[in-house]
Structures are given as C-alpha cells and as structure tokens.
Amino acid sequence: MHFGFVPPDFILKAECIQQSNELDDIKRTWKKMSVDLSNLNCYQISTNSTNSLISIFALGFRIITEDKTVAE
C-alpha cells in the first residue's frame, strides 16, 4: 500500500532474451504472413521497489541520454 505516497521506481535488472517460448510463438505467427522476425529479441526490465516485469519485444533499441549521446 502506498498511503498516498508513490516513490519513484528504479531498474533492478535488465536483460536481453534471444530465445524463449514466447519469442518462438511471435516469430511463428508472423512467419505465416511472410514476415521474417528472426532477429526479434525480448528486453526484460525488472523494477526495484515493485518488482514489476516489463517485457519489450523489438528488433533493436537505442538509448539517448540527456546530453543527446546515442548508444545502440
């Protein structure tokens, strides 16, 4: 319970998953429509205070910092 106070959440762990049943299902579904997603990855982020899990399915990602530095 937050009792009206919601603290900011922070990243506990982040990882790139290249093989999983869920990825296989997505690739198989799109392959039926002639879409090649062989490079699809799952990026999972676990938050610190709530232990929430965010799954992002993408072909890649880019990090842009406040000073506009880009990392891929």
PDB file of N, CA and C in Angstrom:
ATOM      1  N   MET A   1       0.839  -1.179   0.000  1.00  0.00           N
ATOM      2  CA  MET A   1       0.000   0.000   0.000  1.00  0.00           C
ATOM      3  C   MET A   1       0.883   1.240   0.000  1.00  0.00           C
ATOM      4  N   HIS A   2       0.443   2.255  -0.711  1.00  0.00           N
ATOM      5  CA  HIS A   2       1.244   3.471  -0.830  1.00  0.00           C
ATOM      6  C   HIS A   2       0.814   4.570   0.140  1.00  0.00           C
ATOM      7  N   PHE A   3      -0.394   4.527   0.651  1.00  0.00           N
ATOM      8  CA  PHE A   3      -0.906   5.553   1.561  1.00  0.00           C
ATOM      9  C   PHE A   3      -0.756   6.954   0.976  1.00  0.00           C
ATOM     10  N   GLY A   4      -0.995   7.078  -0.340  1.00  0.00           N
ATOM     11  CA  GLY A   4      -0.926   8.377  -0.986  1.00  0.00           C
ATOM     12  C   GLY A   4       0.463   8.799  -1.405  1.00  0.00           C
ATOM     13  N   PHE A   5       1.467   8.012  -1.089  1.00  0.00           N
ATOM     14  CA  PHE A   5       2.845   8.336  -1.448  1.00  0.00           C
ATOM     15  C   PHE A   5       3.325   7.322  -2.479  1.00  0.00           C
ATOM     16  N   VAL A   6       3.708   7.809  -3.649  1.00  0.00           N
ATOM     17  CA  VAL A   6       4.193   6.922  -4.705  1.00  0.00           C
ATOM     18  C   VAL A   6       5.651   7.284  -4.996  1.00  0.00           C
ATOM     19  N   PRO A   7       6.587   6.497  -4.487  1.00  0.00           N
ATOM     20  CA  PRO A   7       8.007   6.803  -4.726  1.00  0.00           C
ATOM     21  C   PRO A   7       8.399   6.442  -6.155  1.00  0.00           C
ATOM     22  N   PRO A   8       9.457   7.058  -6.658  1.00  0.00           N
ATOM     23  CA  PRO A   8       9.927   6.674  -7.998  1.00  0.00           C
ATOM     24  C   PRO A   8      10.449   5.246  -7.974  1.00  0.00           C
ATOM     25  N   ASP A   9      10.290   4.562  -9.082  1.00  0.00           N
ATOM     26  CA  ASP A   9      10.777   3.198  -9.190  1.00  0.00           C
ATOM     27  C   ASP A   9      12.091   3.214  -9.971  1.00  0.00           C
ATOM     28  N   PHE A  10      12.948   2.267  -9.697  1.00  0.00           N
ATOM     29  CA  PHE A  10      14.244   2.187 -10.359  1.00  0.00           C
ATOM     30  C   PHE A  10      14.422   0.805 -10.965  1.00  0.00           C
ATOM     31  N   ILE A  11      15.312   0.719 -11.952  1.00  0.00           N
ATOM     32  CA  ILE A  11      15.588  -0.553 -12.610  1.00  0.00           C
ATOM     33  C   ILE A  11      16.483  -1.404 -11.712  1.00  0.00           C
ATOM     34  N   LEU A  12      16.008  -2.597 -11.409  1.00  0.00           N
ATOM     35  CA  LEU A  12      16.791  -3.558 -10.637  1.00  0.00           C
ATOM     36  C   LEU A  12      17.680  -4.376 -11.569  1.00  0.00           C
ATOM     37  N   LYS A  13      17.078  -4.819 -12.682  1.00  0.00           N
ATOM     38  CA  LYS A  13      17.801  -5.695 -13.607  1.00  0.00           C
ATOM     39  C   LYS A  13      17.218  -5.513 -14.997  1.00  0.00           C
ATOM     40  N   ALA A  14      18.058  -5.570 -15.999  1.00  0.00           N
ATOM     41  CA  ALA A  14      17.617  -5.533 -17.393  1.00  0.00           C
ATOM     42  C   ALA A  14      18.413  -6.586 -18.155  1.00  0.00           C
ATOM     43  N   GLU A  15      17.710  -7.305 -19.018  1.00  0.00           N
ATOM     44  CA  GLU A  15      18.407  -8.333 -19.795  1.00  0.00           C
ATOM     45  C   GLU A  15      17.782  -8.486 -21.164  1.00  0.00           C
ATOM     46  N   CYS A  16      18.578  -8.999 -22.077  1.00  0.00           N
ATOM     47  CA  CYS A  16      18.122  -9.280 -23.430  1.00  0.00           C
ATOM     48  C   CYS A  16      17.970 -10.791 -23.563  1.00  0.00           C
ATOM     49  N   ILE A  17      16.752 -11.214 -23.896  1.00  0.00           N
ATOM     50  CA  ILE A  17      16.469 -12.636 -24.068  1.00  0.00           C
ATOM     51  C   ILE A  17      16.312 -12.903 -25.561  1.00  0.00           C
ATOM     52  N   GLN A  18      17.133 -13.805 -26.076  1.00  0.00           N
ATOM     53  CA  GLN A  18      17.103 -14.088 -27.501  1.00  0.00           C
ATOM     54  C   GLN A  18      16.375 -15.379 -27.843  1.00  0.00           C
ATOM     55  N   GLN A  19      16.064 -16.180 -26.840  1.00  0.00           N
ATOM     56  CA  GLN A  19      15.368 -17.444 -27.073  1.00  0.00           C
ATOM     57  C   GLN A  19      14.388 -17.710 -25.943  1.00  0.00           C
ATOM     58  N   SER A  20      13.117 -17.868 -26.292  1.00  0.00           N
ATOM     59  CA  SER A  20      12.083 -18.221 -25.311  1.00  0.00           C
ATOM     60  C   SER A  20      10.866 -18.759 -26.063  1.00  0.00           C
ATOM     61  N   ASN A  21       9.983 -19.409 -25.357  1.00  0.00           N
ATOM     62  CA  ASN A  21       8.760 -19.925 -25.976  1.00  0.00           C
ATOM     63  C   ASN A  21       7.905 -18.790 -26.525  1.00  0.00           C
ATOM     64  N   GLU A  22       7.834 -17.682 -25.781  1.00  0.00           N
ATOM     65  CA  GLU A  22       7.017 -16.542 -26.227  1.00  0.00           C
ATOM     66  C   GLU A  22       7.579 -15.926 -27.516  1.00  0.00           C
ATOM     67  N   LEU A  23       8.903 -15.803 -27.605  1.00  0.00           N
ATOM     68  CA  LEU A  23       9.523 -15.300 -28.834  1.00  0.00           C
ATOM     69  C   LEU A  23       9.252 -16.244 -30.002  1.00  0.00           C
ATOM     70  N   ASP A  24       9.373 -17.545 -29.751  1.00  0.00           N
ATOM     71  CA  ASP A  24       9.098 -18.528 -30.799  1.00  0.00           C
ATOM     72  C   ASP A  24       7.655 -18.414 -31.302  1.00  0.00           C
ATOM     73  N   ASP A  25       6.711 -18.220 -30.388  1.00  0.00           N
ATOM     74  CA  ASP A  25       5.302 -18.070 -30.775  1.00  0.00           C
ATOM     75  C   ASP A  25       5.089 -16.832 -31.649  1.00  0.00           C
ATOM     76  N   ILE A  26       5.700 -15.724 -31.264  1.00  0.00           N
ATOM     77  CA  ILE A  26       5.555 -14.484 -32.041  1.00  0.00           C
ATOM     78  C   ILE A  26       6.158 -14.654 -33.429  1.00  0.00           C
ATOM     79  N   LYS A  27       7.355 -15.219 -33.497  1.00  0.00           N
ATOM     80  CA  LYS A  27       8.015 -15.423 -34.791  1.00  0.00           C
ATOM     81  C   LYS A  27       7.207 -16.351 -35.687  1.00  0.00           C
ATOM     82  N   ARG A  28       6.669 -17.426 -35.101  1.00  0.00           N
ATOM     83  CA  ARG A  28       5.876 -18.385 -35.869  1.00  0.00           C
ATOM     84  C   ARG A  28       4.601 -17.731 -36.414  1.00  0.00           C
ATOM     85  N   THR A  29       3.951 -16.921 -35.593  1.00  0.00           N
ATOM     86  CA  THR A  29       2.721 -16.240 -36.018  1.00  0.00           C
ATOM     87  C   THR A  29       2.984 -15.315 -37.201  1.00  0.00           C
ATOM     88  N   TRP A  30       4.041 -14.514 -37.110  1.00  0.00           N
ATOM     89  CA  TRP A  30       4.344 -13.567 -38.175  1.00  0.00           C
ATOM     90  C   TRP A  30       4.918 -14.244 -39.409  1.00  0.00           C
ATOM     91  N   LYS A  31       5.575 -15.383 -39.231  1.00  0.00           N
ATOM     92  CA  LYS A  31       6.132 -16.098 -40.379  1.00  0.00           C
ATOM     93  C   LYS A  31       5.021 -16.566 -41.323  1.00  0.00           C
ATOM     94  N   LYS A  32       3.847 -16.880 -40.755  1.00  0.00           N
ATOM     95  CA  LYS A  32       2.699 -17.283 -41.578  1.00  0.00           C
ATOM     96  C   LYS A  32       2.275 -16.171 -42.529  1.00  0.00           C
ATOM     97  N   MET A  33       2.615 -14.925 -42.173  1.00  0.00           N
ATOM     98  CA  MET A  33       2.274 -13.769 -43.008  1.00  0.00           C
ATOM     99  C   MET A  33       3.497 -13.282 -43.783  1.00  0.00           C
ATOM    100  N   SER A  34       4.498 -14.153 -43.937  1.00  0.00           N
ATOM    101  CA  SER A  34       5.739 -13.891 -44.687  1.00  0.00           C
ATOM    102  C   SER A  34       6.569 -12.756 -44.094  1.00  0.00           C
ATOM    103  N   VAL A  35       6.517 -12.593 -42.773  1.00  0.00           N
ATOM    104  CA  VAL A  35       7.333 -11.578 -42.094  1.00  0.00           C
ATOM    105  C   VAL A  35       8.459 -12.286 -41.350  1.00  0.00           C
ATOM    106  N   ASP A  36       9.692 -11.906 -41.679  1.00  0.00           N
ATOM    107  CA  ASP A  36      10.856 -12.516 -41.049  1.00  0.00           C
ATOM    108  C   ASP A  36      11.232 -11.736 -39.791  1.00  0.00           C
ATOM    109  N   LEU A  37      11.056 -12.343 -38.639  1.00  0.00           N
ATOM    110  CA  LEU A  37      11.440 -11.731 -37.369  1.00  0.00           C
ATOM    111  C   LEU A  37      12.535 -12.547 -36.690  1.00  0.00           C
ATOM    112  N   SER A  38      13.442 -13.081 -37.477  1.00  0.00           N
ATOM    113  CA  SER A  38      14.495 -13.921 -36.912  1.00  0.00           C
ATOM    114  C   SER A  38      15.406 -13.153 -35.955  1.00  0.00           C
ATOM    115  N   ASN A  39      15.482 -11.830 -36.088  1.00  0.00           N
ATOM    116  CA  ASN A  39      16.327 -11.013 -35.204  1.00  0.00           C
ATOM    117  C   ASN A  39      15.553 -10.417 -34.027  1.00  0.00           C
ATOM    118  N   LEU A  40      14.310 -10.849 -33.815  1.00  0.00           N
ATOM    119  CA  LEU A  40      13.495 -10.312 -32.730  1.00  0.00           C
ATOM    120  C   LEU A  40      14.057 -10.734 -31.374  1.00  0.00           C
ATOM    121  N   ASN A  41      14.135  -9.788 -30.457  1.00  0.00           N
ATOM    122  CA  ASN A  41      14.603 -10.053 -29.094  1.00  0.00           C
ATOM    123  C   ASN A  41      13.546  -9.614 -28.092  1.00  0.00           C
ATOM    124  N   CYS A  42      13.676 -10.113 -26.886  1.00  0.00           N
ATOM    125  CA  CYS A  42      12.832  -9.678 -25.783  1.00  0.00           C
ATOM    126  C   CYS A  42      13.741  -8.995 -24.765  1.00  0.00           C
ATOM    127  N   TYR A  43      13.445  -7.738 -24.485  1.00  0.00           N
ATOM    128  CA  TYR A  43      14.200  -6.990 -23.485  1.00  0.00           C
ATOM    129  C   TYR A  43      13.334  -6.935 -22.232  1.00  0.00           C
ATOM    130  N   GLN A  44      13.820  -7.515 -21.148  1.00  0.00           N
ATOM    131  CA  GLN A  44      13.052  -7.551 -19.906  1.00  0.00           C
ATOM    132  C   GLN A  44      13.691  -6.637 -18.870  1.00  0.00           C
ATOM    133  N   ILE A  45      12.851  -5.817 -18.248  1.00  0.00           N
ATOM    134  CA  ILE A  45      13.281  -4.878 -17.222  1.00  0.00           C
ATOM    135  C   ILE A  45      12.528  -5.195 -15.946  1.00  0.00           C
ATOM    136  N   SER A  46      13.259  -5.459 -14.864  1.00  0.00           N
ATOM    137  CA  SER A  46      12.657  -5.684 -13.539  1.00  0.00           C
ATOM    138  C   SER A  46      12.844  -4.410 -12.725  1.00  0.00           C
ATOM    139  N   THR A  47      11.753  -3.943 -12.117  1.00  0.00           N
ATOM    140  CA  THR A  47      11.844  -2.732 -11.310  1.00  0.00           C
ATOM    141  C   THR A  47      12.199  -3.087  -9.869  1.00  0.00           C
ATOM    142  N   ASN A  48      12.761  -2.131  -9.159  1.00  0.00           N
ATOM    143  CA  ASN A  48      13.298  -2.377  -7.828  1.00  0.00           C
ATOM    144  C   ASN A  48      12.222  -2.433  -6.746  1.00  0.00           C
ATOM    145  N   SER A  49      11.441  -1.378  -6.586  1.00  0.00           N
ATOM    146  CA  SER A  49      10.543  -1.325  -5.429  1.00  0.00           C
ATOM    147  C   SER A  49       9.292  -2.191  -5.596  1.00  0.00           C
ATOM    148  N   THR A  50       8.785  -2.322  -6.813  1.00  0.00           N
ATOM    149  CA  THR A  50       7.561  -3.119  -7.003  1.00  0.00           C
ATOM    150  C   THR A  50       7.836  -4.496  -7.599  1.00  0.00           C
ATOM    151  N   ASN A  51       9.067  -4.744  -8.018  1.00  0.00           N
ATOM    152  CA  ASN A  51       9.441  -5.990  -8.674  1.00  0.00           C
ATOM    153  C   ASN A  51       8.554  -6.285  -9.883  1.00  0.00           C
ATOM    154  N   SER A  52       8.149  -5.223 -10.575  1.00  0.00           N
ATOM    155  CA  SER A  52       7.366  -5.377 -11.800  1.00  0.00           C
ATOM    156  C   SER A  52       8.281  -5.855 -12.917  1.00  0.00           C
ATOM    157  N   LEU A  53       7.715  -6.572 -13.874  1.00  0.00           N
ATOM    158  CA  LEU A  53       8.483  -7.059 -15.013  1.00  0.00           C
ATOM    159  C   LEU A  53       7.889  -6.466 -16.282  1.00  0.00           C
ATOM    160  N   ILE A  54       8.716  -5.753 -17.025  1.00  0.00           N
ATOM    161  CA  ILE A  54       8.312  -5.143 -18.289  1.00  0.00           C
ATOM    162  C   ILE A  54       9.016  -5.908 -19.397  1.00  0.00           C
ATOM    163  N   SER A  55       8.239  -6.458 -20.337  1.00  0.00           N
ATOM    164  CA  SER A  55       8.819  -7.179 -21.472  1.00  0.00           C
ATOM    165  C   SER A  55       8.581  -6.361 -22.733  1.00  0.00           C
ATOM    166  N   ILE A  56       9.660  -6.096 -23.458  1.00  0.00           N
ATOM    167  CA  ILE A  56       9.582  -5.331 -24.702  1.00  0.00           C
ATOM    168  C   ILE A  56      10.117  -6.219 -25.813  1.00  0.00           C
ATOM    169  N   PHE A  57       9.295  -6.446 -26.825  1.00  0.00           N
ATOM    170  CA  PHE A  57       9.713  -7.247 -27.969  1.00  0.00           C
ATOM    171  C   PHE A  57      10.082  -6.283 -29.094  1.00  0.00           C
ATOM    172  N   ALA A  58      11.347  -6.351 -29.542  1.00  0.00           N
ATOM    173  CA  ALA A  58      11.823  -5.400 -30.551  1.00  0.00           C
ATOM    174  C   ALA A  58      13.001  -5.993 -31.313  1.00  0.00           C
ATOM    175  N   LEU A  59      13.240  -5.426 -32.487  1.00  0.00           N
ATOM    176  CA  LEU A  59      14.376  -5.846 -33.296  1.00  0.00           C
ATOM    177  C   LEU A  59      15.670  -5.189 -32.819  1.00  0.00           C
ATOM    178  N   GLY A  60      15.565  -4.117 -32.063  1.00  0.00           N
ATOM    179  CA  GLY A  60      16.730  -3.416 -31.545  1.00  0.00           C
ATOM    180  C   GLY A  60      16.275  -2.284 -30.650  1.00  0.00           C
ATOM    181  N   PHE A  61      17.222  -1.538 -30.127  1.00  0.00           N
ATOM    182  CA  PHE A  61      16.892  -0.403 -29.283  1.00  0.00           C
ATOM    183  C   PHE A  61      18.010   0.627 -29.350  1.00  0.00           C
ATOM    184  N   ARG A  62      17.681   1.814 -28.885  1.00  0.00           N
ATOM    185  CA  ARG A  62      18.639   2.910 -28.860  1.00  0.00           C
ATOM    186  C   ARG A  62      18.443   3.663 -27.557  1.00  0.00           C
ATOM    187  N   ILE A  63      19.514   4.008 -26.892  1.00  0.00           N
ATOM    188  CA  ILE A  63      19.452   4.790 -25.656  1.00  0.00           C
ATOM    189  C   ILE A  63      19.959   6.191 -25.970  1.00  0.00           C
ATOM    190  N   ILE A  64      19.128   7.184 -25.680  1.00  0.00           N
ATOM    191  CA  ILE A  64      19.515   8.578 -25.883  1.00  0.00           C
ATOM    192  C   ILE A  64      19.553   9.236 -24.514  1.00  0.00           C
ATOM    193  N   THR A  65      20.701   9.714 -24.114  1.00  0.00           N
ATOM    194  CA  THR A  65      20.864  10.332 -22.807  1.00  0.00           C
ATOM    195  C   THR A  65      20.478  11.805 -22.853  1.00  0.00           C
ATOM    196  N   GLU A  66      20.452  12.435 -21.689  1.00  0.00           N
ATOM    197  CA  GLU A  66      20.086  13.838 -21.616  1.00  0.00           C
ATOM    198  C   GLU A  66      21.007  14.730 -22.450  1.00  0.00           C
ATOM    199  N   ASP A  67      22.275  14.368 -22.566  1.00  0.00           N
ATOM    200  CA  ASP A  67      23.207  15.168 -23.363  1.00  0.00           C
ATOM    201  C   ASP A  67      23.212  14.727 -24.835  1.00  0.00           C
ATOM    202  N   LYS A  68      22.180  13.960 -25.232  1.00  0.00           N
ATOM    203  CA  LYS A  68      21.963  13.513 -26.612  1.00  0.00           C
ATOM    204  C   LYS A  68      22.970  12.485 -27.103  1.00  0.00           C
ATOM    205  N   THR A  69      23.676  11.828 -26.178  1.00  0.00           N
ATOM    206  CA  THR A  69      24.569  10.736 -26.552  1.00  0.00           C
ATOM    207  C   THR A  69      23.709   9.523 -26.930  1.00  0.00           C
ATOM    208  N   VAL A  70      24.063   8.873 -28.019  1.00  0.00           N
ATOM    209  CA  VAL A  70      23.288   7.739 -28.501  1.00  0.00           C
ATOM    210  C   VAL A  70      24.095   6.460 -28.377  1.00  0.00           C
ATOM    211  N   ALA A  71      23.461   5.405 -27.854  1.00  0.00           N
ATOM    212  CA  ALA A  71      24.075   4.083 -27.787  1.00  0.00           C
ATOM    213  C   ALA A  71      23.089   3.079 -28.348  1.00  0.00           C
ATOM    214  N   GLU A  72      23.569   2.132 -29.133  1.00  0.00           N
ATOM    215  CA  GLU A  72      22.677   1.111 -29.700  1.00  0.00           C
ATOM    216  C   GLU A  72      23.106  -0.261 -29.295  1.00  0.00           C
TER     217      GLU A  72
END
